[in-house]
Amino acid sequence: MKNTLETRLGLFFALALVSAFLILEMLGGFSFFQKGYRLNALFDNVQELKVGDPVKMAGVNIGRVDAVALTNTQVRVTLRVFEETTQIRTDSKATIKFVGLLGQNFIAVDFGTAKGAVATDGAFLQSVEQPDLSQLMAKLDNVASGVENITRSFSGDTFNNLLGPVTDFLKQNQQPLTDSIANMRTISQNIVEGKGTVGKLINEPELYDSAMATLSTLQTNLADMSGELNATLADARATVADMRAGKGTIGKLMTDESLFTETKDAMTQMKEIMQKINHGEGTIGQLVNDQALLKSVKLSLQKLDKATEGLEDTGPLQVIGIMAGQLF
């Protein structure tokens, strides 16, 4: 092939065409020729989102950002979904996300719920605001500054001021501390060798066997008590069931309607009798309420008491005569 001017111009235009194709593909320019529909979402902050950024659902690229514009106090982002068969529901949520700290921004759309209707062209999706990356970096910078200030505060003088009293205490009590450590070693050695109460408790297998036997006996007693308690509960249930069924004296008293009626009638009659007695009706009522009869009984008793005062020194016939004279 000859290196002519026509050849050079042809190669230049071919490279320019390929470059333009790649640039349009990166910017989403060819999305104008693809079928689909547009959706909208309102955000408070789009975080460097630009036209041509991808729209993804579950990590799959389903469209691109078609437009970003201010509207009142929010930012309106128009999404172009390539495939008309991609069903995005009206309760799906759009979120601005990014890949890595320096990665490309994109719109993530979730599936929504089965209750939501399928979104049509021009519908608005719910938006979810993500924390601003610059604010996060500022907070991290503040945290790093705080950590740096803390590390600076622990200088050599500060450590000396903190550890100085501890060092002086250790120096002044070196011998008592040494003796205490030696005593602790001796005690631990005695425990290991099985000396003393604690050592025997730890090292003697007989004590372990005795404790296990005691626990076994306790478990057996508890099992017996549990069996007896269950039997008692069963008897109580059976007794209650018999009472509900009208068996036995208490069961009949609880379930016999005729007995209840008779008891009620008897109580009513008893109430009437007591009312009559209170009103002075009948023999008992007159005896209880007649004051004259009460006085007569009292006089008779007084006469009888006087008649018995002189009976000690008299004979039987004289007693009878005196009593008759006193009474009549």
Foldseek 3Di string as FASTA:
>chain_A
DDPDPVVVVVVVVVVVVVVVVVVCVQQVVCLVVADFAKEKEKAQDLQPADWRAFEDEPRHTFWTWHDWADDDNIIMIMTTGRDHPPFAFQAWEWEWDADPPPGHIYIYTYRGDPVTHTDDHYYYHHYDYDDHSVVVVVVVVVVVVVVVVVVVVPDPVNVCVVCVVVVVVCVVCVPVVVVVVVVVVVVVVCLCVQDDDNNVCPPPVVNVVVVVVVVVVVVVVVVVVVVVVVVVVVVVVVVVVCLCVQDDDNSVVVPVVVVVVVVVVVVVVVVVVVVCLCVLPDDNSVVVPVPVVVVVVVVLVVLVVVLVPPPPPDDDVVSVVSSVVSVD
